[in-house]
């Protein structure tokens, strides 16, 4: 029996009558639309797993795809897979039809679960004829949840329980296969870095639970805490949810956190004891302002689809309250130290381990790392990470994936300092080479973010006949802000070398982002190339 299945079963029996889930809408965050107790959540998850087996012939290893917003039904589908050995394939409600089609063609799910808001998108993506489409809040769904469940058998820790698809920021999405042991390792590490998690904690799930935010629920489960599930993120609705439900914990990606920190009426957030953030660079000036206002309640994490977070963590006490401005900023740019469930190295192109302060590719290995990429139902078993053997997994990858030693190549350029703090510099495929110099877009974006008019930016390299590539920036201004383009460009030169400054810059209303909220630099680059 896997540790994560045991955690769910034991906690739900121990806290059976306590409320676990409260579902609210961004349109009315003070009104609770649905609640489930610990016992009800467990019983309905087991019933769903049994119903999928009996009515749709689903068995361990079969894929169960879901296209649902944050809510109780999303949790039931995940737990049904964790408790049965079926593979949970969580699709983002923000994905395009083409992106959904790509994943469904790769995963070939037995069942695709949708709701009224996502049904048309799912049908438009054209799931295979063999895939059964089930909509929640229908008779078919109610019948699944009414199935008599046998809760006596749970999957082994080594059994795959989820396929997590990469965000596709650099190309075609790939499915990372995660086992029950991978889930358990993530729970252990999360518990450690955000400790203490207590019974009176209230977790708000505002970011999509299909992505990083979902990793916070199980650690809170073990403590008997409560989770408020917000159907979609809106900064004002989020703040109202926190205030109305006395929330203590949340995960936000940096674009969300920036908007939250700039809200008026900051007292609405006073109940928060832990704000976890990660997934993209966080502007240090906004983070400093947040720390100065709310104190050491921030926890930065680093993880990736293939190695569930946290691979590294910058804990609350490692967010400086003051001191030297440059040293403080340097620490806050770090994503912290490796957690207890894995190890990290910085390597050169030939695989040699680099010394402290030397930039290279970050590679990670540990219990929370995938066992390989999904490669279709007809692949033969492939040996992975020493002793584990998993069906239908392909461990080969040209530039990102597991190597023969089980190290996950992240594609991230990073450095480790003498104290063990890891700082992500940028993505390998986003690096700009101009006039023979390596330029990291994140450095330029960080310099732009210090201007009071700038909300966010995306920096890319464009072809240049003289320099090879030139630095270009697309910038989104804060509401009501106005600024001269040349002023913005010159603003960067006080913070970065002149050869790094943008040669061209345009102000745009929005930046292209994927379902995880990450800025898609390749889309910025493609649009500029097409429009030149």
Protein backbone atom coordinates (compact mmCIF):
# COMPACT_ATOMS: atom_id res chain seq x y z
CA UNK A 1 0.00 0.00 0.00
CA UNK A 2 1.46 3.36 -0.95
CA UNK A 3 2.18 5.91 1.75
CA UNK A 4 -0.04 8.51 0.08
CA UNK A 5 -3.02 6.10 -0.06
CA UNK A 6 -2.45 5.29 3.61
CA UNK A 7 -2.29 9.01 4.46
CA UNK A 8 -5.62 9.63 2.76
CA UNK A 9 -7.32 6.63 4.35
CA UNK A 10 -5.97 7.18 7.85
CA UNK A 11 -6.62 10.95 7.93
CA UNK A 12 -10.15 10.58 6.60
CA UNK A 13 -10.98 8.00 9.24
CA UNK A 14 -9.35 10.02 12.00
CA UNK A 15 -11.09 13.29 11.08
CA UNK A 16 -14.18 11.73 9.47
CA UNK A 17 -16.69 14.34 10.67
CA UNK A 18 -14.52 17.42 10.18
CA UNK A 19 -15.06 19.61 7.16
CA UNK A 20 -12.30 19.15 4.60
CA UNK A 21 -13.48 21.00 1.48
CA UNK A 22 -15.47 24.21 1.03
CA UNK A 23 -16.12 25.34 -2.54
CA UNK A 24 -16.59 29.03 -3.34
CA UNK A 25 -16.99 31.10 -6.48
CA UNK A 26 -14.88 34.12 -7.43
CA UNK A 27 -18.17 35.93 -8.05
CA UNK A 28 -19.28 35.41 -4.45
CA UNK A 29 -16.31 34.29 -2.34
CA UNK A 30 -18.11 34.64 1.00
CA UNK A 31 -20.85 32.17 0.02
CA UNK A 32 -19.97 28.46 0.32
CA UNK A 33 -21.58 26.51 -2.52
CA UNK A 34 -20.61 22.99 -1.42
CA UNK A 35 -18.86 21.27 1.46
CA UNK A 36 -17.47 17.79 2.01
CA UNK A 37 -16.23 16.26 5.25
CA UNK A 38 -13.12 14.09 5.43
CA UNK A 39 -15.27 10.99 5.57
CA UNK A 40 -17.47 12.04 2.66
CA UNK A 41 -14.47 12.89 0.47
CA UNK A 42 -12.91 9.49 1.11
CA UNK A 43 -16.13 7.55 0.58
CA UNK A 44 -16.99 9.34 -2.65
CA UNK A 45 -13.43 8.93 -3.99
CA UNK A 46 -13.55 5.18 -3.33
CA UNK A 47 -17.01 5.00 -4.89
CA UNK A 48 -15.80 6.86 -7.98
CA UNK A 49 -12.88 4.45 -8.40
CA UNK A 50 -15.24 1.48 -8.05
CA UNK A 51 -17.71 3.02 -10.48
CA UNK A 52 -15.01 3.59 -13.09
CA UNK A 53 -13.97 -0.05 -12.74
CA UNK A 54 -17.47 -1.53 -12.88
CA UNK A 55 -19.17 0.75 -15.41
CA UNK A 56 -16.28 1.64 -17.72
CA UNK A 57 -13.85 -1.29 -17.28
CA UNK A 58 -11.09 1.01 -16.02
CA UNK A 59 -8.23 -0.75 -14.27
CA UNK A 60 -4.82 0.17 -12.80
CA UNK A 61 -2.70 1.77 -15.51
CA UNK A 62 -5.68 3.15 -17.43
CA UNK A 63 -5.69 6.93 -17.85
CA UNK A 64 -8.49 9.03 -16.35
CA UNK A 65 -8.34 12.53 -17.86
CA UNK A 66 -10.11 15.44 -16.18
CA UNK A 67 -10.88 18.94 -17.44
CA UNK A 68 -12.29 20.65 -14.36
CA UNK A 69 -11.83 23.93 -12.48
CA UNK A 70 -10.88 23.96 -8.79
CA UNK A 71 -13.61 22.20 -6.85
CA UNK A 72 -14.57 19.11 -4.92
CA UNK A 73 -15.07 16.98 -8.05
CA UNK A 74 -11.48 17.65 -9.11
CA UNK A 75 -10.25 16.35 -5.74
CA UNK A 76 -12.46 13.25 -6.02
CA UNK A 77 -10.97 12.33 -9.40
CA UNK A 78 -7.40 12.70 -8.13
CA UNK A 79 -8.03 10.65 -5.01
CA UNK A 80 -9.87 7.97 -6.99
CA UNK A 81 -6.68 7.46 -8.99
CA UNK A 82 -4.35 7.63 -5.98
CA UNK A 83 -6.46 4.98 -4.25
CA UNK A 84 -6.84 2.68 -7.26
CA UNK A 85 -3.69 2.88 -9.39
CA UNK A 86 -5.43 4.46 -12.36
CA UNK A 87 -3.41 7.31 -13.85
CA UNK A 88 -4.74 10.82 -13.24
CA UNK A 89 -4.26 13.12 -16.24
CA UNK A 90 -5.24 16.62 -15.14
CA UNK A 91 -5.86 19.00 -18.04
CA UNK A 92 -5.78 22.76 -17.67
CA UNK A 93 -9.01 24.66 -18.26
CA UNK A 94 -6.86 27.43 -19.76
CA UNK A 95 -5.40 25.21 -22.49
CA UNK A 96 -6.25 25.78 -26.12
CA UNK A 97 -8.14 23.21 -28.17
CA UNK A 98 -4.90 22.27 -29.94
CA UNK A 99 -3.09 21.76 -26.63
CA UNK A 100 -5.90 19.60 -25.26
CA UNK A 101 -5.99 17.53 -28.46
CA UNK A 102 -2.24 16.96 -28.29
CA UNK A 103 -2.41 15.62 -24.73
CA UNK A 104 -5.51 13.49 -25.30
CA UNK A 105 -3.92 11.90 -28.37
CA UNK A 106 -0.82 11.08 -26.33
CA UNK A 107 -2.53 9.87 -23.15
CA UNK A 108 -5.41 7.94 -24.82
CA UNK A 109 -7.57 8.07 -21.67
CA UNK A 110 -10.24 5.51 -20.90
CA UNK A 111 -12.46 8.26 -19.46
CA UNK A 112 -12.55 12.05 -19.80
CA UNK A 113 -14.38 13.87 -16.99
CA UNK A 114 -15.67 17.40 -17.64
CA UNK A 115 -18.26 19.82 -16.26
CA UNK A 116 -20.76 22.11 -17.97
CA UNK A 117 -18.14 24.86 -18.39
CA UNK A 118 -15.55 22.63 -20.09
CA UNK A 119 -17.67 20.15 -22.06
CA UNK A 120 -17.53 22.06 -25.36
CA UNK A 121 -13.76 22.51 -25.14
CA UNK A 122 -13.34 18.79 -24.50
CA UNK A 123 -15.54 17.81 -27.43
CA UNK A 124 -13.74 20.32 -29.65
CA UNK A 125 -10.42 18.68 -28.77
CA UNK A 126 -11.77 15.46 -30.32
CA UNK A 127 -11.05 12.70 -27.79
CA UNK A 128 -10.73 9.20 -29.29
CA UNK A 129 -13.91 7.24 -29.93
CA UNK A 130 -12.84 4.76 -27.23
CA UNK A 131 -12.79 7.55 -24.60
CA UNK A 132 -15.94 7.85 -22.51
CA UNK A 133 -17.00 11.45 -21.82
CA UNK A 134 -18.62 11.96 -18.41
CA UNK A 135 -20.01 15.28 -17.21
CA UNK A 136 -20.28 16.06 -13.51
CA UNK A 137 -23.65 17.12 -12.05
CA UNK A 138 -25.42 14.58 -14.30
CA UNK A 139 -27.14 11.27 -13.61
CA UNK A 140 -24.13 9.36 -14.95
CA UNK A 141 -21.85 11.13 -12.48
CA UNK A 142 -24.24 10.58 -9.57
CA UNK A 143 -24.40 6.88 -10.39
CA UNK A 144 -20.60 6.63 -10.26
CA UNK A 145 -20.52 8.26 -6.82
CA UNK A 146 -23.26 5.89 -5.61
CA UNK A 147 -21.27 2.75 -6.46
CA UNK A 148 -20.62 0.39 -3.56
CA UNK A 149 -16.89 0.61 -2.91
CA UNK A 150 -14.43 -1.94 -1.60
CA UNK A 151 -11.71 0.05 0.18
CA UNK A 152 -9.54 -2.93 1.04
CA UNK A 153 -6.99 -2.80 -1.83
CA UNK A 154 -4.70 0.13 -2.60
CA UNK A 155 -1.85 0.43 -5.12
CA UNK A 156 1.78 -0.26 -4.33
CA UNK A 157 4.11 2.70 -3.79
CA UNK A 158 5.99 1.98 -7.05
CA UNK A 159 2.82 1.99 -9.15
CA UNK A 160 2.30 4.99 -11.46
CA UNK A 161 -0.68 7.10 -10.39
CA UNK A 162 -0.38 10.25 -12.50
CA UNK A 163 0.83 11.62 -15.81
CA UNK A 164 1.77 15.29 -15.53
CA UNK A 165 2.12 17.02 -18.86
CA UNK A 166 4.81 19.64 -19.31
CA UNK A 167 3.69 23.16 -20.07
CA UNK A 168 5.18 23.07 -23.54
CA UNK A 169 7.10 26.34 -23.17
CA UNK A 170 9.78 25.07 -25.54
CA UNK A 171 7.88 22.64 -27.74
CA UNK A 172 5.52 19.67 -27.66
CA UNK A 173 4.15 18.74 -24.23
CA UNK A 174 5.44 15.48 -22.74
CA UNK A 175 3.82 13.38 -20.02
CA UNK A 176 5.91 12.82 -16.90
CA UNK A 177 4.92 9.61 -15.10
CA UNK A 178 4.69 10.02 -11.31
CA UNK A 179 4.36 7.12 -8.87
CA UNK A 180 2.72 6.95 -5.47
CA UNK A 181 6.19 7.20 -3.96
CA UNK A 182 6.73 10.44 -5.89
CA UNK A 183 3.56 11.86 -4.37
CA UNK A 184 4.58 10.75 -0.88
CA UNK A 185 8.03 12.34 -1.24
CA UNK A 186 6.44 15.65 -2.26
CA UNK A 187 4.10 15.53 0.75
CA UNK A 188 7.06 14.88 3.05
CA UNK A 189 9.06 17.78 1.63
CA UNK A 190 6.13 20.21 1.63
CA UNK A 191 5.38 19.35 5.24
CA UNK A 192 8.98 20.13 6.11
CA UNK A 193 9.35 23.47 4.33
CA UNK A 194 6.02 25.02 5.37
CA UNK A 195 5.91 23.53 8.88
CA UNK A 196 4.11 23.73 11.15
CA UNK A 197 0.83 22.72 9.52
CA UNK A 198 -1.84 22.72 12.21
CA UNK A 199 -5.45 21.71 12.66
CA UNK A 200 -6.70 25.31 12.62
CA UNK A 201 -5.02 26.08 9.29
CA UNK A 202 -7.23 27.09 6.36
CA UNK A 203 -5.74 26.52 2.93
CA UNK A 204 -7.06 28.59 0.03
CA UNK A 205 -6.63 26.92 -3.36
CA UNK A 206 -6.68 29.89 -5.73
CA UNK A 207 -4.16 28.81 -8.37
CA UNK A 208 -5.16 25.78 -10.48
CA UNK A 209 -4.96 22.60 -8.40
CA UNK A 210 -4.05 20.71 -11.56
CA UNK A 211 -0.62 22.32 -11.25
CA UNK A 212 1.72 23.20 -8.37
CA UNK A 213 -0.98 24.47 -6.00
CA UNK A 214 -2.44 20.97 -5.75
CA UNK A 215 0.58 19.78 -3.76
CA UNK A 216 -0.59 21.68 -0.68
CA UNK A 217 -3.79 19.74 -0.01
CA UNK A 218 -2.40 16.42 1.21
CA UNK A 219 0.00 17.96 3.78
CA UNK A 220 -2.98 19.85 5.25
CA UNK A 221 -5.02 16.66 5.22
CA UNK A 222 -2.64 15.01 7.67
CA UNK A 223 -3.23 17.79 10.22
CA UNK A 224 -7.02 17.80 9.99
CA UNK A 225 -7.02 21.27 8.39
CA UNK A 226 -9.62 22.73 6.02
CA UNK A 227 -9.32 23.76 2.35
CA UNK A 228 -11.33 26.48 0.59
CA UNK A 229 -11.40 25.89 -3.16
CA UNK A 230 -11.76 29.04 -5.28
CA UNK A 231 -12.96 28.21 -8.79
CA UNK A 232 -10.67 30.73 -10.53
CA UNK A 233 -8.14 33.38 -9.56
CA UNK A 234 -9.10 37.01 -9.34
CA UNK A 235 -6.95 39.19 -7.07
CA UNK A 236 -9.83 40.97 -5.37
CA UNK A 237 -11.90 37.79 -5.03
CA UNK A 238 -8.86 36.03 -3.59
CA UNK A 239 -8.37 38.74 -0.95
CA UNK A 240 -12.07 38.58 -0.10
CA UNK A 241 -11.83 34.79 0.24
CA UNK A 242 -8.88 35.08 2.60
CA UNK A 243 -10.71 37.61 4.76
CA UNK A 244 -14.04 35.77 4.78
CA UNK A 245 -12.59 32.38 5.70
CA UNK A 246 -9.63 33.48 7.86
CA UNK A 247 -7.27 31.70 5.50
CA UNK A 248 -3.74 30.94 6.66
CA UNK A 249 -2.00 29.35 3.65
CA UNK A 250 -1.92 29.79 -0.12
CA UNK A 251 0.18 29.05 -3.19
CA UNK A 252 0.43 31.75 -5.87
CA UNK A 253 2.54 32.03 -9.00
CA UNK A 254 4.47 35.33 -9.19
CA UNK A 255 2.08 37.01 -11.64
CA UNK A 256 -0.74 36.34 -9.16
CA UNK A 257 1.32 37.38 -6.14
CA UNK A 258 2.31 40.70 -7.74
CA UNK A 259 -1.34 41.55 -8.28
CA UNK A 260 -2.26 40.54 -4.73
CA UNK A 261 0.55 42.57 -3.15
CA UNK A 262 -0.56 45.68 -5.05
CA UNK A 263 -4.17 45.51 -3.83
CA UNK A 264 -5.58 48.23 -1.66
CA UNK A 265 -6.92 47.20 1.75
CA UNK A 266 -3.97 44.93 2.62
CA UNK A 267 -5.58 44.18 5.98
CA UNK A 268 -7.73 41.60 4.19
CA UNK A 269 -4.64 39.37 4.00
CA UNK A 270 -3.65 39.66 7.66
CA UNK A 271 -4.73 36.10 8.56
CA UNK A 272 -2.17 34.58 6.17
CA UNK A 273 0.75 32.83 7.86
CA UNK A 274 2.22 31.20 4.76
CA UNK A 275 2.37 32.43 1.16
CA UNK A 276 4.11 29.86 -1.04
CA UNK A 277 5.22 31.14 -4.43
CA UNK A 278 7.15 29.74 -7.37
CA UNK A 279 6.93 28.63 -10.97
CA UNK A 280 8.61 31.72 -12.46
CA UNK A 281 10.93 34.56 -11.38
CA UNK A 282 9.48 36.86 -8.73
CA UNK A 283 10.39 40.58 -8.99
CA UNK A 284 12.53 41.19 -5.92
CA UNK A 285 11.34 44.76 -5.37
CA UNK A 286 7.72 43.56 -5.08
CA UNK A 287 8.80 40.74 -2.79
CA UNK A 288 10.75 43.13 -0.55
CA UNK A 289 7.66 45.31 -0.29
CA UNK A 290 5.60 42.28 0.64
CA UNK A 291 8.05 41.18 3.34
CA UNK A 292 8.21 44.69 4.76
CA UNK A 293 4.41 44.77 4.96
CA UNK A 294 3.55 41.24 6.10
CA UNK A 295 6.78 39.89 7.58
CA UNK A 296 8.43 36.52 7.04
CA UNK A 297 5.42 34.60 5.79
CA UNK A 298 6.81 33.84 2.32
CA UNK A 299 8.19 30.47 1.15
CA UNK A 300 9.70 30.18 -2.32
CA UNK A 301 9.77 26.76 -3.96
CA UNK A 302 11.36 25.34 -7.08
CA UNK A 303 10.11 22.26 -8.82
CA UNK A 304 9.13 21.14 -12.26
CA UNK A 305 6.61 18.89 -13.93
CA UNK A 306 9.09 16.03 -13.95
CA UNK A 307 10.21 16.49 -10.35
CA UNK A 308 7.35 17.58 -8.16
CA UNK A 309 7.96 20.48 -5.83
CA UNK A 310 9.76 21.29 -3.71
CA UNK A 311 13.12 20.31 -5.19
CA UNK A 312 14.51 23.37 -3.40
CA UNK A 313 12.93 25.82 -0.98
CA UNK A 314 13.72 29.27 0.39
CA UNK A 315 12.08 29.08 3.79
CA UNK A 316 10.35 31.84 5.73
CA UNK A 317 13.36 32.61 7.91
CA UNK A 318 15.58 32.79 4.80
CA UNK A 319 13.64 35.80 3.49
CA UNK A 320 15.69 38.65 5.06
CA UNK A 321 13.81 41.36 6.92
CA UNK A 322 16.52 43.93 6.25
CA UNK A 323 20.27 44.35 5.88
CA UNK A 324 22.40 45.22 2.90
CA UNK A 325 20.16 45.92 -0.09
CA UNK A 326 22.24 44.00 -2.63
CA UNK A 327 22.75 41.00 -0.35
CA UNK A 328 19.05 40.93 0.46
CA UNK A 329 18.09 41.03 -3.22
CA UNK A 330 20.59 38.27 -4.04
CA UNK A 331 19.12 36.00 -1.37
CA UNK A 332 15.57 36.66 -2.53
CA UNK A 333 16.53 35.79 -6.11
CA UNK A 334 17.56 32.38 -4.82
CA UNK A 335 15.09 29.49 -4.78
CA UNK A 336 16.71 28.15 -1.64
CA UNK A 337 18.44 24.93 -0.70
CA UNK A 338 17.69 21.34 -1.76
CA UNK A 339 15.02 19.59 0.29
CA UNK A 340 15.44 16.27 2.05
CA UNK A 341 13.87 14.15 -0.70
CA UNK A 342 16.47 14.71 -3.41
CA UNK A 343 19.83 16.02 -4.53
CA UNK A 344 20.91 18.62 -7.07
CA UNK A 345 24.03 19.31 -9.12
CA UNK A 346 25.17 22.03 -11.52
CA UNK A 347 26.82 20.44 -14.54
CA UNK A 348 28.75 21.54 -17.61
CA UNK A 349 27.83 20.37 -21.10
CA UNK A 350 30.14 17.36 -20.70
CA UNK A 351 28.37 16.33 -17.48
CA UNK A 352 31.14 17.42 -15.12
CA UNK A 353 30.00 18.88 -11.80
CA UNK A 354 30.76 22.59 -11.55
CA UNK A 355 32.04 24.47 -8.51
CA UNK A 356 30.18 27.00 -6.40
CA UNK A 357 29.42 30.15 -8.38
CA UNK A 358 29.83 28.53 -11.80
CA UNK A 359 26.76 28.58 -14.06
CA UNK A 360 25.58 25.40 -15.71
CA UNK A 361 22.56 23.16 -16.11
CA UNK A 362 20.68 22.17 -12.97
CA UNK A 363 20.09 18.43 -12.72
CA UNK A 364 18.04 16.80 -9.97
CA UNK A 365 17.50 13.28 -8.68
CA UNK A 366 15.33 11.96 -5.90
CA UNK A 367 12.19 10.18 -4.75
CA UNK A 368 9.96 12.96 -6.11
CA UNK A 369 11.38 12.70 -9.64
CA UNK A 370 9.43 11.07 -12.47
CA UNK A 371 10.22 7.56 -13.65
CA UNK A 372 10.10 8.62 -17.30
CA UNK A 373 8.00 10.22 -20.02
CA UNK A 374 4.80 8.56 -21.14
CA UNK A 375 5.37 6.95 -24.52
CA UNK A 376 2.07 5.30 -25.36
CA UNK A 377 0.31 2.08 -24.40
CA UNK A 378 2.31 -0.20 -26.73
CA UNK A 379 5.80 0.46 -25.36
CA UNK A 380 7.66 -2.36 -23.65
CA UNK A 381 8.68 -2.05 -19.97
CA UNK A 382 11.72 0.18 -19.50
CA UNK A 383 14.08 0.02 -16.52
CA UNK A 384 14.40 3.32 -14.70
CA UNK A 385 16.01 4.78 -11.58
CA UNK A 386 17.97 1.75 -10.44
CA UNK A 387 15.37 -0.90 -9.50
CA UNK A 388 11.97 0.42 -10.59
CA UNK A 389 10.45 -1.09 -13.71
CA UNK A 390 7.41 0.72 -15.09
CA UNK A 391 5.30 -0.16 -18.12
CA UNK A 392 4.88 2.22 -21.03
CA UNK A 393 7.53 4.72 -19.98
CA UNK A 394 10.19 6.20 -22.23
CA UNK A 395 13.19 7.57 -20.32
CA UNK A 396 14.95 9.03 -23.35
CA UNK A 397 14.99 12.76 -24.04
CA UNK A 398 17.26 14.80 -26.26
CA UNK A 399 17.71 17.88 -24.09
CA UNK A 400 15.42 17.37 -21.11
CA UNK A 401 14.70 14.20 -19.21
CA UNK A 402 16.36 11.39 -17.29
CA UNK A 403 19.89 10.31 -18.12
CA UNK A 404 21.34 6.86 -17.54
CA UNK A 405 22.18 7.73 -13.94
CA UNK A 406 18.63 8.80 -13.12
CA UNK A 407 19.45 12.53 -13.13
CA UNK A 408 16.67 14.72 -14.42
CA UNK A 409 18.06 17.36 -16.79
CA UNK A 410 15.91 20.42 -16.17
CA UNK A 411 17.02 22.73 -18.96
CA UNK A 412 17.48 25.45 -16.33
CA UNK A 413 20.74 27.36 -15.98
CA UNK A 414 21.65 27.85 -12.32
CA UNK A 415 24.42 28.47 -9.81
CA UNK A 416 24.93 27.24 -6.25
CA UNK A 417 26.72 29.49 -3.79
CA UNK A 418 29.11 28.40 -1.04
CA UNK A 419 26.22 28.21 1.46
CA UNK A 420 24.23 25.84 -0.73
CA UNK A 421 21.62 28.31 -2.03
CA UNK A 422 20.51 27.67 -5.61
CA UNK A 423 19.69 30.54 -7.98
CA UNK A 424 18.01 29.89 -11.32
CA UNK A 425 19.46 32.23 -13.93
CA UNK A 426 17.29 31.35 -16.91
CA UNK A 427 16.21 28.65 -19.35
CA UNK A 428 18.92 27.22 -21.61
CA UNK A 429 16.84 27.66 -24.76
CA UNK A 430 16.03 31.30 -23.92
CA UNK A 431 19.62 32.50 -23.56
CA UNK A 432 20.53 35.32 -25.97
CA UNK A 433 23.97 35.44 -27.59
CA UNK A 434 24.67 38.99 -28.75
CA UNK A 435 28.09 40.10 -29.99
CA UNK A 436 29.63 37.01 -28.40
CA UNK A 437 28.15 37.74 -24.96
CA UNK A 438 25.66 35.46 -23.17
CA UNK A 439 22.61 37.44 -22.01
CA UNK A 440 19.96 35.94 -19.76
CA UNK A 441 16.48 37.41 -20.38
CA UNK A 442 15.61 37.09 -16.68
CA UNK A 443 18.37 39.61 -15.82
CA UNK A 444 16.91 42.17 -18.21
CA UNK A 445 13.34 41.49 -17.05
CA UNK A 446 14.42 41.96 -13.44
CA UNK A 447 15.95 45.34 -14.31
CA UNK A 448 12.79 46.43 -16.12
CA UNK A 449 10.60 45.35 -13.19
CA UNK A 450 12.27 47.90 -10.92
CA UNK A 451 10.69 50.75 -12.88
CA UNK A 452 7.50 51.84 -11.08
CA UNK A 453 5.50 51.85 -14.33
CA UNK A 454 6.26 48.22 -15.26
CA UNK A 455 3.92 45.40 -14.32
CA UNK A 456 5.69 42.58 -16.19
CA UNK A 457 7.87 42.01 -19.22
CA UNK A 458 9.19 39.40 -21.62
CA UNK A 459 12.68 39.67 -23.11
CA UNK A 460 13.74 37.71 -26.19
CA UNK A 461 16.55 37.59 -28.70
CA UNK A 462 15.80 38.59 -32.30
CA UNK A 463 18.04 38.01 -35.34
CA UNK A 464 20.48 40.83 -35.98
CA UNK A 465 22.92 41.03 -38.94
CA UNK A 466 25.64 42.71 -36.90
CA UNK A 467 25.28 41.21 -33.42
CA UNK A 468 23.83 37.79 -34.19
CA UNK A 469 20.94 38.52 -31.85
CA UNK A 470 19.64 41.74 -30.35
CA UNK A 471 17.77 42.13 -27.08
CA UNK A 472 14.09 43.00 -27.41
CA UNK A 473 11.54 43.60 -24.62
CA UNK A 474 7.76 43.48 -24.62
CA UNK A 475 6.47 45.38 -21.57
CA UNK A 476 3.08 45.53 -19.84
CA UNK A 477 2.54 48.70 -17.82
CA UNK A 478 0.64 49.00 -14.58
CA UNK A 479 -2.92 50.30 -14.92
CA UNK A 480 -2.88 54.03 -15.63
CA UNK A 481 0.91 54.22 -15.99
CA UNK A 482 2.63 56.04 -18.85
CA UNK A 483 6.30 56.01 -19.70
CA UNK A 484 8.62 56.81 -22.60
CA UNK A 485 10.22 53.78 -24.28
CA UNK A 486 13.70 55.31 -24.27
CA UNK A 487 13.32 56.09 -20.58
CA UNK A 488 12.59 52.43 -19.88
CA UNK A 489 15.55 51.27 -21.92
CA UNK A 490 17.94 53.66 -20.18
CA UNK A 491 16.48 52.72 -16.79
CA UNK A 492 17.99 49.26 -17.19
CA UNK A 493 21.56 50.51 -17.67
CA UNK A 494 21.86 51.54 -14.03
CA UNK A 495 21.22 47.90 -13.07
CA UNK A 496 22.75 45.77 -15.83
CA UNK A 497 25.62 46.08 -18.28
CA UNK A 498 24.89 48.27 -21.29
CA UNK A 499 25.35 45.36 -23.72
CA UNK A 500 22.36 43.66 -22.02
CA UNK A 501 19.95 46.56 -22.40
CA UNK A 502 17.03 46.19 -24.83
CA UNK A 503 17.83 47.54 -28.28
CA UNK A 504 14.12 47.63 -29.08
CA UNK A 505 11.09 47.78 -26.80
CA UNK A 506 7.35 47.91 -27.25
CA UNK A 507 4.51 48.39 -24.80
CA UNK A 508 1.79 45.72 -25.06
CA UNK A 509 -1.50 45.16 -23.26
CA UNK A 510 -0.73 41.54 -22.28
CA UNK A 511 1.88 38.82 -22.63
CA UNK A 512 1.19 35.30 -23.93
CA UNK A 513 1.09 32.74 -21.10
CA UNK A 514 0.53 29.04 -20.82
CA UNK A 515 -1.99 27.28 -18.60
CA UNK A 516 0.42 27.49 -15.65
CA UNK A 517 0.69 31.27 -15.93
CA UNK A 518 4.24 31.16 -17.28
CA UNK A 519 5.16 33.74 -19.90
CA UNK A 520 5.76 32.15 -23.30
CA UNK A 521 8.83 33.88 -24.65
CA UNK A 522 8.76 31.70 -27.76
CA UNK A 523 5.32 33.08 -28.60
CA UNK A 524 6.60 36.63 -28.16
CA UNK A 525 9.52 35.82 -30.43
CA UNK A 526 7.29 34.12 -33.01
CA UNK A 527 4.83 37.04 -33.14
CA UNK A 528 7.64 39.55 -33.61
CA UNK A 529 9.23 37.45 -36.35
CA UNK A 530 5.91 37.09 -38.20
CA UNK A 531 5.11 40.81 -37.94
CA UNK A 532 8.48 42.22 -38.95
